[in-house]
C-alpha atoms as a PDB file:
ATOM      1  CA  MET A   1       0.000   0.000   0.000  1.00  0.00           C
ATOM      2  CA  LYS A   2       2.866   2.337   0.886  1.00  0.00           C
ATOM      3  CA  ASN A   3       4.465   1.738  -2.549  1.00  0.00           C
ATOM      4  CA  ILE A   4       1.176   2.544  -4.307  1.00  0.00           C
ATOM      5  CA  ILE A   5       0.857   5.839  -2.415  1.00  0.00           C
ATOM      6  CA  VAL A   6       4.467   6.802  -3.235  1.00  0.00           C
ATOM      7  CA  SER A   7       3.894   5.985  -6.932  1.00  0.00           C
ATOM      8  CA  LEU A   8       0.758   8.137  -7.005  1.00  0.00           C
ATOM      9  CA  LEU A   9       2.609  11.041  -5.407  1.00  0.00           C
ATOM     10  CA  VAL A  10       5.386  10.749  -7.998  1.00  0.00           C
ATOM     11  CA  LEU A  11       2.857  10.738 -10.849  1.00  0.00           C
ATOM     12  CA  LEU A  12       1.040  13.769  -9.447  1.00  0.00           C
ATOM     13  CA  THR A  13       4.331  15.632  -9.053  1.00  0.00           C
ATOM     14  CA  LEU A  14       5.418  14.868 -12.611  1.00  0.00           C
ATOM     15  CA  SER A  15       2.029  15.849 -14.037  1.00  0.00           C
ATOM     16  CA  SER A  16       2.281  19.267 -12.419  1.00  0.00           C
ATOM     17  CA  PHE A  17       5.382  19.934 -14.538  1.00  0.00           C
ATOM     18  CA  SER A  18       4.117  18.434 -17.799  1.00  0.00           C
ATOM     19  CA  GLY A  19       1.283  20.734 -18.806  1.00  0.00           C
ATOM     20  CA  ASP A  20       0.493  21.604 -22.415  1.00  0.00           C
ATOM     21  CA  LYS A  21       2.889  23.846 -24.341  1.00  0.00           C
ATOM     22  CA  PRO A  22       0.643  25.324 -27.037  1.00  0.00           C
ATOM     23  CA  ALA A  23       2.374  27.050 -29.921  1.00  0.00           C
ATOM     24  CA  TYR A  24      -0.557  29.418 -30.473  1.00  0.00           C
ATOM     25  CA  ARG A  25      -3.967  30.548 -29.302  1.00  0.00           C
ATOM     26  CA  ILE A  26      -6.767  32.402 -31.100  1.00  0.00           C
ATOM     27  CA  PHE A  27      -8.582  35.383 -29.569  1.00  0.00           C
ATOM     28  CA  ASN A  28     -11.505  37.510 -30.716  1.00  0.00           C
ATOM     29  CA  ASN A  29     -11.368  41.301 -30.892  1.00  0.00           C
ATOM     30  CA  GLU A  30     -12.379  41.527 -27.226  1.00  0.00           C
ATOM     31  CA  GLY A  31      -9.440  39.420 -26.089  1.00  0.00           C
ATOM     32  CA  LYS A  32     -11.432  36.258 -25.395  1.00  0.00           C
ATOM     33  CA  LYS A  33     -10.098  32.866 -26.432  1.00  0.00           C
ATOM     34  CA  VAL A  34     -11.954  31.224 -29.287  1.00  0.00           C
ATOM     35  CA  LYS A  35     -11.645  27.895 -31.038  1.00  0.00           C
ATOM     36  CA  TYR A  36     -10.397  27.479 -34.586  1.00  0.00           C
ATOM     37  CA  LYS A  37     -13.862  26.173 -35.503  1.00  0.00           C
ATOM     38  CA  LYS A  38     -15.413  29.504 -34.474  1.00  0.00           C
ATOM     39  CA  MET A  39     -13.036  31.396 -36.728  1.00  0.00           C
ATOM     40  CA  LEU A  40     -13.800  29.064 -39.637  1.00  0.00           C
ATOM     41  CA  GLU A  41     -17.556  29.425 -39.156  1.00  0.00           C
ATOM     42  CA  THR A  42     -17.238  33.218 -39.154  1.00  0.00           C
ATOM     43  CA  VAL A  43     -15.073  33.544 -42.256  1.00  0.00           C
ATOM     44  CA  LYS A  44     -17.337  31.161 -44.159  1.00  0.00           C
ATOM     45  CA  ASP A  45     -19.992  33.878 -44.384  1.00  0.00           C
ATOM     46  CA  ALA A  46     -17.642  36.690 -45.419  1.00  0.00           C
ATOM     47  CA  ASP A  47     -17.228  38.273 -48.828  1.00  0.00           C
ATOM     48  CA  VAL A  48     -13.564  38.983 -48.108  1.00  0.00           C
ATOM     49  CA  VAL A  49     -11.227  37.538 -45.487  1.00  0.00           C
ATOM     50  CA  PHE A  50      -7.926  39.267 -44.768  1.00  0.00           C
ATOM     51  CA  PHE A  51      -5.397  36.888 -43.254  1.00  0.00           C
ATOM     52  CA  GLY A  52      -2.691  39.166 -41.881  1.00  0.00           C
ATOM     53  CA  GLU A  53       0.528  37.234 -41.453  1.00  0.00           C
ATOM     54  CA  LEU A  54       3.968  37.493 -39.954  1.00  0.00           C
ATOM     55  CA  HIS A  55       5.929  36.708 -43.106  1.00  0.00           C
ATOM     56  CA  ASN A  56       8.443  34.361 -41.481  1.00  0.00           C
ATOM     57  CA  ASN A  57       6.213  32.570 -38.968  1.00  0.00           C
ATOM     58  CA  PRO A  58       5.633  28.859 -39.802  1.00  0.00           C
ATOM     59  CA  VAL A  59       2.622  28.480 -37.480  1.00  0.00           C
ATOM     60  CA  VAL A  60       0.801  31.317 -39.226  1.00  0.00           C
ATOM     61  CA  HIS A  61       1.522  29.843 -42.667  1.00  0.00           C
ATOM     62  CA  TRP A  62       0.310  26.441 -41.477  1.00  0.00           C
ATOM     63  CA  LEU A  63      -2.918  28.026 -40.249  1.00  0.00           C
ATOM     64  CA  GLN A  64      -3.340  29.887 -43.545  1.00  0.00           C
ATOM     65  CA  TYR A  65      -3.146  26.617 -45.435  1.00  0.00           C
ATOM     66  CA  ASN A  66      -5.536  24.825 -43.104  1.00  0.00           C
ATOM     67  CA  LEU A  67      -8.070  27.648 -43.044  1.00  0.00           C
ATOM     68  CA  THR A  68      -8.003  27.834 -46.839  1.00  0.00           C
ATOM     69  CA  THR A  69      -8.476  24.109 -47.392  1.00  0.00           C
ATOM     70  CA  ASP A  70     -11.175  23.909 -44.704  1.00  0.00           C
ATOM     71  CA  LEU A  71     -12.946  26.926 -46.178  1.00  0.00           C
ATOM     72  CA  TYR A  72     -12.771  25.305 -49.608  1.00  0.00           C
ATOM     73  CA  THR A  73     -14.533  22.246 -48.207  1.00  0.00           C
ATOM     74  CA  ALA A  74     -17.096  24.261 -46.240  1.00  0.00           C
ATOM     75  CA  LYS A  75     -17.933  26.418 -49.277  1.00  0.00           C
ATOM     76  CA  ALA A  76     -17.901  23.529 -51.776  1.00  0.00           C
ATOM     77  CA  GLY A  77     -14.999  25.136 -53.612  1.00  0.00           C
ATOM     78  CA  SER A  78     -16.588  28.578 -53.810  1.00  0.00           C
ATOM     79  CA  ILE A  79     -13.498  30.601 -52.854  1.00  0.00           C
ATOM     80  CA  ILE A  80     -10.963  32.875 -54.549  1.00  0.00           C
ATOM     81  CA  LEU A  81      -7.381  33.360 -53.403  1.00  0.00           C
ATOM     82  CA  GLY A  82      -5.235  36.471 -53.612  1.00  0.00           C
ATOM     83  CA  ALA A  83      -1.956  37.638 -52.136  1.00  0.00           C
ATOM     84  CA  GLU A  84       0.372  40.551 -51.538  1.00  0.00           C
ATOM     85  CA  MET A  85       3.261  38.255 -52.491  1.00  0.00           C
ATOM     86  CA  PHE A  86       2.338  38.303 -56.189  1.00  0.00           C
ATOM     87  CA  GLU A  87       2.535  41.511 -58.211  1.00  0.00           C
ATOM     88  CA  ALA A  88      -0.111  42.464 -60.749  1.00  0.00           C
ATOM     89  CA  ASP A  89       2.202  42.288 -63.746  1.00  0.00           C
ATOM     90  CA  ASN A  90       2.903  38.635 -62.873  1.00  0.00           C
ATOM     91  CA  GLN A  91      -0.761  37.668 -63.191  1.00  0.00           C
ATOM     92  CA  LEU A  92      -0.242  36.254 -66.684  1.00  0.00           C
ATOM     93  CA  ILE A  93       2.564  33.909 -65.698  1.00  0.00           C
ATOM     94  CA  LEU A  94       0.692  32.873 -62.539  1.00  0.00           C
ATOM     95  CA  ASN A  95      -2.377  32.055 -64.633  1.00  0.00           C
ATOM     96  CA  GLU A  96      -0.281  30.152 -67.151  1.00  0.00           C
ATOM     97  CA  TYR A  97       1.120  27.967 -64.405  1.00  0.00           C
ATOM     98  CA  LEU A  98      -2.235  27.396 -62.710  1.00  0.00           C
ATOM     99  CA  ASN A  99      -3.763  26.427 -66.069  1.00  0.00           C
ATOM    100  CA  GLY A 100      -0.938  24.011 -66.881  1.00  0.00           C
ATOM    101  CA  ASN A 101       0.420  26.039 -69.820  1.00  0.00           C
ATOM    102  CA  ILE A 102       3.934  26.275 -68.401  1.00  0.00           C
ATOM    103  CA  SER A 103       6.014  24.062 -66.144  1.00  0.00           C
ATOM    104  CA  GLN A 104       6.616  24.543 -62.456  1.00  0.00           C
ATOM    105  CA  LYS A 105      10.288  25.086 -63.240  1.00  0.00           C
ATOM    106  CA  SER A 106       9.506  27.900 -65.690  1.00  0.00           C
ATOM    107  CA  PHE A 107       7.065  29.543 -63.295  1.00  0.00           C
ATOM    108  CA  GLU A 108       9.452  29.514 -60.358  1.00  0.00           C
ATOM    109  CA  LYS A 109      12.313  30.769 -62.512  1.00  0.00           C
ATOM    110  CA  GLU A 110      10.469  33.618 -64.221  1.00  0.00           C
ATOM    111  CA  ALA A 111       8.046  34.871 -61.551  1.00  0.00           C
ATOM    112  CA  ARG A 112       9.423  37.291 -58.954  1.00  0.00           C
ATOM    113  CA  LEU A 113       8.911  34.991 -55.987  1.00  0.00           C
ATOM    114  CA  TRP A 114       9.707  35.792 -52.370  1.00  0.00           C
ATOM    115  CA  PRO A 115      12.730  34.033 -50.807  1.00  0.00           C
ATOM    116  CA  ASN A 116      10.462  31.895 -48.601  1.00  0.00           C
ATOM    117  CA  TYR A 117       8.107  30.952 -51.457  1.00  0.00           C
ATOM    118  CA  LYS A 118       8.822  27.224 -51.387  1.00  0.00           C
ATOM    119  CA  THR A 119       8.185  26.808 -47.664  1.00  0.00           C
ATOM    120  CA  ASP A 120       5.411  29.342 -47.076  1.00  0.00           C
ATOM    121  CA  TYR A 121       3.518  30.214 -50.278  1.00  0.00           C
ATOM    122  CA  LYS A 122       4.017  27.335 -52.665  1.00  0.00           C
ATOM    123  CA  PRO A 123       1.609  25.012 -50.788  1.00  0.00           C
ATOM    124  CA  LEU A 124      -1.281  27.420 -51.407  1.00  0.00           C
ATOM    125  CA  VAL A 125      -0.355  27.956 -55.056  1.00  0.00           C
ATOM    126  CA  GLU A 126      -0.246  24.201 -55.569  1.00  0.00           C
ATOM    127  CA  PHE A 127      -3.596  23.833 -53.794  1.00  0.00           C
ATOM    128  CA  ALA A 128      -5.096  26.475 -56.099  1.00  0.00           C
ATOM    129  CA  LYS A 129      -3.674  24.655 -59.118  1.00  0.00           C
ATOM    130  CA  ASP A 130      -4.965  21.247 -58.028  1.00  0.00           C
ATOM    131  CA  SER A 131      -8.381  22.716 -57.165  1.00  0.00           C
ATOM    132  CA  SER A 132      -8.738  24.917 -60.293  1.00  0.00           C
ATOM    133  CA  LEU A 133      -9.077  28.071 -58.185  1.00  0.00           C
ATOM    134  CA  VAL A 134      -8.593  31.667 -59.244  1.00  0.00           C
ATOM    135  CA  TYR A 135      -5.488  33.145 -57.587  1.00  0.00           C
ATOM    136  CA  VAL A 136      -5.187  36.917 -57.910  1.00  0.00           C
ATOM    137  CA  ALA A 137      -1.815  38.688 -57.967  1.00  0.00           C
ATOM    138  CA  THR A 138      -3.024  41.779 -56.116  1.00  0.00           C
ATOM    139  CA  ASN A 139       0.050  43.865 -55.364  1.00  0.00           C
ATOM    140  CA  ILE A 140       1.574  46.797 -57.222  1.00  0.00           C
ATOM    141  CA  PRO A 141       4.824  45.963 -59.057  1.00  0.00           C
ATOM    142  CA  ARG A 142       7.532  46.761 -56.544  1.00  0.00           C
ATOM    143  CA  ARG A 143       9.355  49.090 -58.955  1.00  0.00           C
ATOM    144  CA  TYR A 144       6.384  51.474 -58.836  1.00  0.00           C
ATOM    145  CA  ALA A 145       6.197  51.339 -55.047  1.00  0.00           C
ATOM    146  CA  SER A 146       9.906  52.186 -55.080  1.00  0.00           C
ATOM    147  CA  THR A 147       9.234  55.100 -57.426  1.00  0.00           C
ATOM    148  CA  THR A 148       6.605  56.388 -54.982  1.00  0.00           C
ATOM    149  CA  TYR A 149       9.062  56.117 -52.100  1.00  0.00           C
ATOM    150  CA  LYS A 150      11.655  58.130 -54.011  1.00  0.00           C
ATOM    151  CA  LYS A 151       9.459  60.730 -55.734  1.00  0.00           C
ATOM    152  CA  GLY A 152       5.947  60.611 -54.296  1.00  0.00           C
ATOM    153  CA  PHE A 153       2.589  59.957 -55.943  1.00  0.00           C
ATOM    154  CA  GLU A 154       3.250  62.538 -58.636  1.00  0.00           C
ATOM    155  CA  ALA A 155       5.869  60.344 -60.290  1.00  0.00           C
ATOM    156  CA  LEU A 156       3.244  57.676 -60.994  1.00  0.00           C
ATOM    157  CA  GLU A 157       1.343  60.080 -63.240  1.00  0.00           C
ATOM    158  CA  GLU A 158       4.315  60.061 -65.615  1.00  0.00           C
ATOM    159  CA  LEU A 159       4.089  56.309 -66.231  1.00  0.00           C
ATOM    160  CA  SER A 160       2.707  54.795 -69.431  1.00  0.00           C
ATOM    161  CA  ALA A 161      -0.901  53.667 -69.729  1.00  0.00           C
ATOM    162  CA  GLU A 162       0.258  50.051 -69.638  1.00  0.00           C
ATOM    163  CA  ALA A 163       2.201  50.640 -66.423  1.00  0.00           C
ATOM    164  CA  LYS A 164      -0.786  52.378 -64.839  1.00  0.00           C
ATOM    165  CA  SER A 165      -2.945  49.320 -65.623  1.00  0.00           C
ATOM    166  CA  TYR A 166      -1.095  47.522 -62.821  1.00  0.00           C
ATOM    167  CA  ILE A 167      -1.880  50.263 -60.280  1.00  0.00           C
ATOM    168  CA  ALA A 168      -5.053  51.506 -58.609  1.00  0.00           C
ATOM    169  CA  PRO A 169      -6.629  54.416 -60.537  1.00  0.00           C
ATOM    170  CA  LEU A 170      -4.733  57.656 -60.041  1.00  0.00           C
ATOM    171  CA  PRO A 171      -4.816  59.894 -58.165  1.00  0.00           C
ATOM    172  CA  ILE A 172      -5.539  57.788 -55.075  1.00  0.00           C
ATOM    173  CA  GLU A 173      -7.009  59.195 -51.894  1.00  0.00           C
ATOM    174  CA  TYR A 174      -4.522  59.385 -49.057  1.00  0.00           C
ATOM    175  CA  ASP A 175      -5.010  60.040 -45.356  1.00  0.00           C
ATOM    176  CA  PRO A 176      -1.673  60.366 -43.522  1.00  0.00           C
ATOM    177  CA  GLU A 177      -3.522  60.327 -40.180  1.00  0.00           C
ATOM    178  CA  LEU A 178      -4.578  56.702 -40.506  1.00  0.00           C
ATOM    179  CA  LYS A 179      -2.909  54.846 -37.660  1.00  0.00           C
ATOM    180  CA  GLY A 180      -0.824  52.547 -39.825  1.00  0.00           C
ATOM    181  CA  TYR A 181       0.652  55.431 -41.816  1.00  0.00           C
ATOM    182  CA  SER A 182       1.103  57.816 -38.906  1.00  0.00           C
ATOM    183  CA  ASP A 183       2.744  55.101 -36.778  1.00  0.00           C
ATOM    184  CA  MET A 184       5.123  54.377 -39.634  1.00  0.00           C
ATOM    185  CA  MET A 185       6.165  58.029 -39.800  1.00  0.00           C
ATOM    186  CA  LYS A 186       6.643  58.245 -36.036  1.00  0.00           C
ATOM    187  CA  GLN A 187       8.828  55.162 -36.083  1.00  0.00           C
ATOM    188  CA  MET A 188      10.936  56.534 -38.920  1.00  0.00           C
ATOM    189  CA  GLU A 189      11.250  59.910 -37.206  1.00  0.00           C
ATOM    190  CA  GLY A 190      12.514  58.120 -34.112  1.00  0.00           C
ATOM    191  CA  MET A 191      15.176  56.476 -36.246  1.00  0.00           C
ATOM    192  CA  GLY A 192      16.090  59.708 -38.001  1.00  0.00           C
ATOM    193  CA  HIS A 193      14.675  58.641 -41.390  1.00  0.00           C
ATOM    194  CA  ALA A 194      11.575  60.817 -41.752  1.00  0.00           C
ATOM    195  CA  ASN A 195      10.761  60.413 -45.448  1.00  0.00           C
ATOM    196  CA  PRO A 196       7.083  61.410 -45.903  1.00  0.00           C
ATOM    197  CA  ASN A 197       6.957  59.242 -49.023  1.00  0.00           C
ATOM    198  CA  LEU A 198       7.400  56.028 -47.027  1.00  0.00           C
ATOM    199  CA  PRO A 199       3.753  55.766 -45.899  1.00  0.00           C
ATOM    200  CA  LYS A 200       2.728  56.880 -49.393  1.00  0.00           C
ATOM    201  CA  ALA A 201       4.543  53.861 -50.819  1.00  0.00           C
ATOM    202  CA  GLN A 202       2.592  51.753 -48.334  1.00  0.00           C
ATOM    203  CA  ALA A 203      -0.647  53.450 -49.365  1.00  0.00           C
ATOM    204  CA  ILE A 204      -0.168  52.803 -53.077  1.00  0.00           C
ATOM    205  CA  LYS A 205       0.344  49.117 -52.249  1.00  0.00           C
ATOM    206  CA  ASP A 206      -2.806  49.102 -50.096  1.00  0.00           C
ATOM    207  CA  ALA A 207      -4.844  50.897 -52.742  1.00  0.00           C
ATOM    208  CA  THR A 208      -3.704  48.586 -55.530  1.00  0.00           C
ATOM    209  CA  MET A 209      -4.394  45.449 -53.514  1.00  0.00           C
ATOM    210  CA  ALA A 210      -7.837  46.791 -52.618  1.00  0.00           C
ATOM    211  CA  TYR A 211      -8.606  47.634 -56.233  1.00  0.00           C
ATOM    212  CA  SER A 212      -7.512  44.151 -57.324  1.00  0.00           C
ATOM    213  CA  ILE A 213      -9.710  42.523 -54.695  1.00  0.00           C
ATOM    214  CA  ALA A 214     -12.717  44.727 -55.540  1.00  0.00           C
ATOM    215  CA  GLU A 215     -12.770  43.331 -59.077  1.00  0.00           C
ATOM    216  CA  PHE A 216     -13.507  39.827 -57.764  1.00  0.00           C
ATOM    217  CA  ALA A 217     -15.243  40.364 -54.412  1.00  0.00           C
ATOM    218  CA  GLY A 218     -18.963  40.262 -53.698  1.00  0.00           C
ATOM    219  CA  ASN A 219     -19.936  37.626 -56.252  1.00  0.00           C
ATOM    220  CA  GLY A 220     -21.069  34.962 -53.799  1.00  0.00           C
ATOM    221  CA  LYS A 221     -17.602  33.502 -53.328  1.00  0.00           C
ATOM    222  CA  THR A 222     -15.336  34.144 -50.358  1.00  0.00           C
ATOM    223  CA  PHE A 223     -12.134  35.947 -51.346  1.00  0.00           C
ATOM    224  CA  ILE A 224      -9.305  35.111 -48.938  1.00  0.00           C
ATOM    225  CA  HIS A 225      -6.330  37.463 -49.112  1.00  0.00           C
ATOM    226  CA  TYR A 226      -2.906  36.838 -47.612  1.00  0.00           C
ATOM    227  CA  ASN A 227      -0.905  39.910 -46.643  1.00  0.00           C
ATOM    228  CA  GLY A 228       1.450  41.268 -44.049  1.00  0.00           C
ATOM    229  CA  ALA A 229      -0.580  41.967 -40.920  1.00  0.00           C
ATOM    230  CA  TYR A 230       0.263  45.687 -41.058  1.00  0.00           C
ATOM    231  CA  HIS A 231      -1.676  45.991 -44.336  1.00  0.00           C
ATOM    232  CA  SER A 232      -4.999  45.177 -42.636  1.00  0.00           C
ATOM    233  CA  ASN A 233      -4.509  45.757 -38.897  1.00  0.00           C
ATOM    234  CA  ASN A 234      -6.965  48.118 -37.176  1.00  0.00           C
ATOM    235  CA  TYR A 235      -9.349  47.543 -40.111  1.00  0.00           C
ATOM    236  CA  GLU A 236      -7.301  50.074 -42.109  1.00  0.00           C
ATOM    237  CA  GLY A 237      -4.792  49.854 -44.941  1.00  0.00           C
ATOM    238  CA  ILE A 238      -6.238  47.702 -47.719  1.00  0.00           C
ATOM    239  CA  ILE A 239      -9.626  47.668 -46.009  1.00  0.00           C
ATOM    240  CA  TRP A 240      -9.861  51.468 -45.936  1.00  0.00           C
ATOM    241  CA  TYR A 241      -9.431  51.530 -49.710  1.00  0.00           C
ATOM    242  CA  LEU A 242     -11.632  48.496 -50.376  1.00  0.00           C
ATOM    243  CA  ASN A 243     -14.520  50.181 -48.553  1.00  0.00           C
ATOM    244  CA  LYS A 244     -14.142  53.075 -50.976  1.00  0.00           C
ATOM    245  CA  TYR A 245     -13.837  50.996 -54.132  1.00  0.00           C
ATOM    246  CA  LYS A 246     -16.628  48.567 -53.218  1.00  0.00           C
ATOM    247  CA  PRO A 247     -18.624  49.567 -50.125  1.00  0.00           C
ATOM    248  CA  GLY A 248     -20.966  47.156 -48.394  1.00  0.00           C
ATOM    249  CA  LEU A 249     -18.814  44.039 -48.472  1.00  0.00           C
ATOM    250  CA  LYS A 250     -18.831  41.749 -45.451  1.00  0.00           C
ATOM    251  CA  ILE A 251     -15.205  41.743 -44.346  1.00  0.00           C
ATOM    252  CA  VAL A 252     -13.546  39.576 -41.681  1.00  0.00           C
ATOM    253  CA  THR A 253      -9.987  40.224 -40.566  1.00  0.00           C
ATOM    254  CA  ILE A 254      -7.415  37.918 -39.016  1.00  0.00           C
ATOM    255  CA  THR A 255      -4.073  39.108 -37.710  1.00  0.00           C
ATOM    256  CA  SER A 256      -0.995  37.528 -36.180  1.00  0.00           C
ATOM    257  CA  VAL A 257       1.155  38.617 -33.237  1.00  0.00           C
ATOM    258  CA  GLU A 258       3.918  37.129 -31.117  1.00  0.00           C
ATOM    259  CA  GLN A 259       3.976  37.117 -27.310  1.00  0.00           C
ATOM    260  CA  GLY A 260       5.936  35.455 -24.522  1.00  0.00           C
ATOM    261  CA  ASN A 261       2.678  34.077 -23.096  1.00  0.00           C
ATOM    262  CA  VAL A 262       0.017  32.794 -25.474  1.00  0.00           C
ATOM    263  CA  GLU A 263      -2.641  32.210 -22.828  1.00  0.00           C
ATOM    264  CA  SER A 264      -3.887  35.816 -22.712  1.00  0.00           C
ATOM    265  CA  LEU A 265      -3.916  38.640 -25.206  1.00  0.00           C
ATOM    266  CA  ASP A 266      -1.821  41.703 -24.407  1.00  0.00           C
ATOM    267  CA  GLU A 267      -4.018  44.808 -24.192  1.00  0.00           C
ATOM    268  CA  GLU A 268      -2.117  46.545 -26.997  1.00  0.00           C
ATOM    269  CA  PHE A 269      -3.551  43.983 -29.425  1.00  0.00           C
ATOM    270  CA  ASP A 270      -7.207  44.384 -28.428  1.00  0.00           C
ATOM    271  CA  ASN A 271      -9.461  45.054 -31.434  1.00  0.00           C
ATOM    272  CA  LEU A 272      -6.539  44.759 -33.845  1.00  0.00           C
ATOM    273  CA  ALA A 273      -8.703  42.441 -35.966  1.00  0.00           C
ATOM    274  CA  ASN A 274     -11.763  40.231 -35.679  1.00  0.00           C
ATOM    275  CA  PHE A 275      -9.465  37.345 -34.798  1.00  0.00           C
ATOM    276  CA  ILE A 276      -5.956  37.577 -33.362  1.00  0.00           C
ATOM    277  CA  ILE A 277      -3.612  34.599 -33.600  1.00  0.00           C
ATOM    278  CA  VAL A 278      -1.046  34.726 -30.813  1.00  0.00           C
ATOM    279  CA  VAL A 279       2.100  32.682 -31.470  1.00  0.00           C
ATOM    280  CA  ASP A 280       4.830  31.936 -28.942  1.00  0.00           C
ATOM    281  CA  GLU A 281       7.618  34.441 -29.588  1.00  0.00           C
ATOM    282  CA  THR A 282      10.238  31.682 -29.393  1.00  0.00           C
ATOM    283  CA  MET A 283       8.795  30.018 -32.507  1.00  0.00           C
ATOM    284  CA  THR A 284      11.418  29.299 -35.171  1.00  0.00           C
ATOM    285  CA  LYS A 285      11.401  31.393 -38.369  1.00  0.00           C
ATOM    286  CA  THR A 286      11.199  30.325 -41.986  1.00  0.00           C
ATOM    287  CA  ASN A 287      13.765  32.744 -43.444  1.00  0.00           C
END
């Protein structure tokens, strides 16, 4: 009997040190924990879902893939994909690959793919290809965002008509007081690099992505868009422009943050999005 009691005490002691070590938790905009199933049920009814990511976080990319494939099943294939990581002038080559007109080798050689494409974005492209889904290259060609950073919006007016076809209609509206843009300026000022064109370069990306999404959104399918979290946090950025280009859409936002403790949401992240994915800050990176 004594041995049984000792064994039970040992087991109880060990169990107190062997609790779960979750890599992530999901919270709603009020900071309450929610299940993945709740997030899936909510996005299923949306016209547009913004999945704001941390570009080098493997947990977030894994969740993107799972949410997309689960949404595909829940909507009987009635979804459209789109991403910041593909620029509008690469739409042709993306379509050619998805339609089987060119090889994977040619696509990956000729498209301007991000360094972490194979680990983080390729799975979704391959899923779109296998499922015959539309995948929209939503972003402005980076050379034009660079032009904006160097010379401002005015320089875009000097581009050819063909070049402008890859950009949101000019001139775009711009509000430097939006939190995302004003925070960017404050951060740059603190570093001694106060270029007022920096948030403008961000805005032309946001506007172009919104304009690209507006062309396909609101047709009964759910458009899921993958972008850096800062492009849709606080329901601004791309969303601010999308509400101007196509008002009345039902939009759901997801964002991603890192914390030392994933069991409660830090107050600074309250209402950052409809759903906030909190990942352990010690998580390994993909690039």
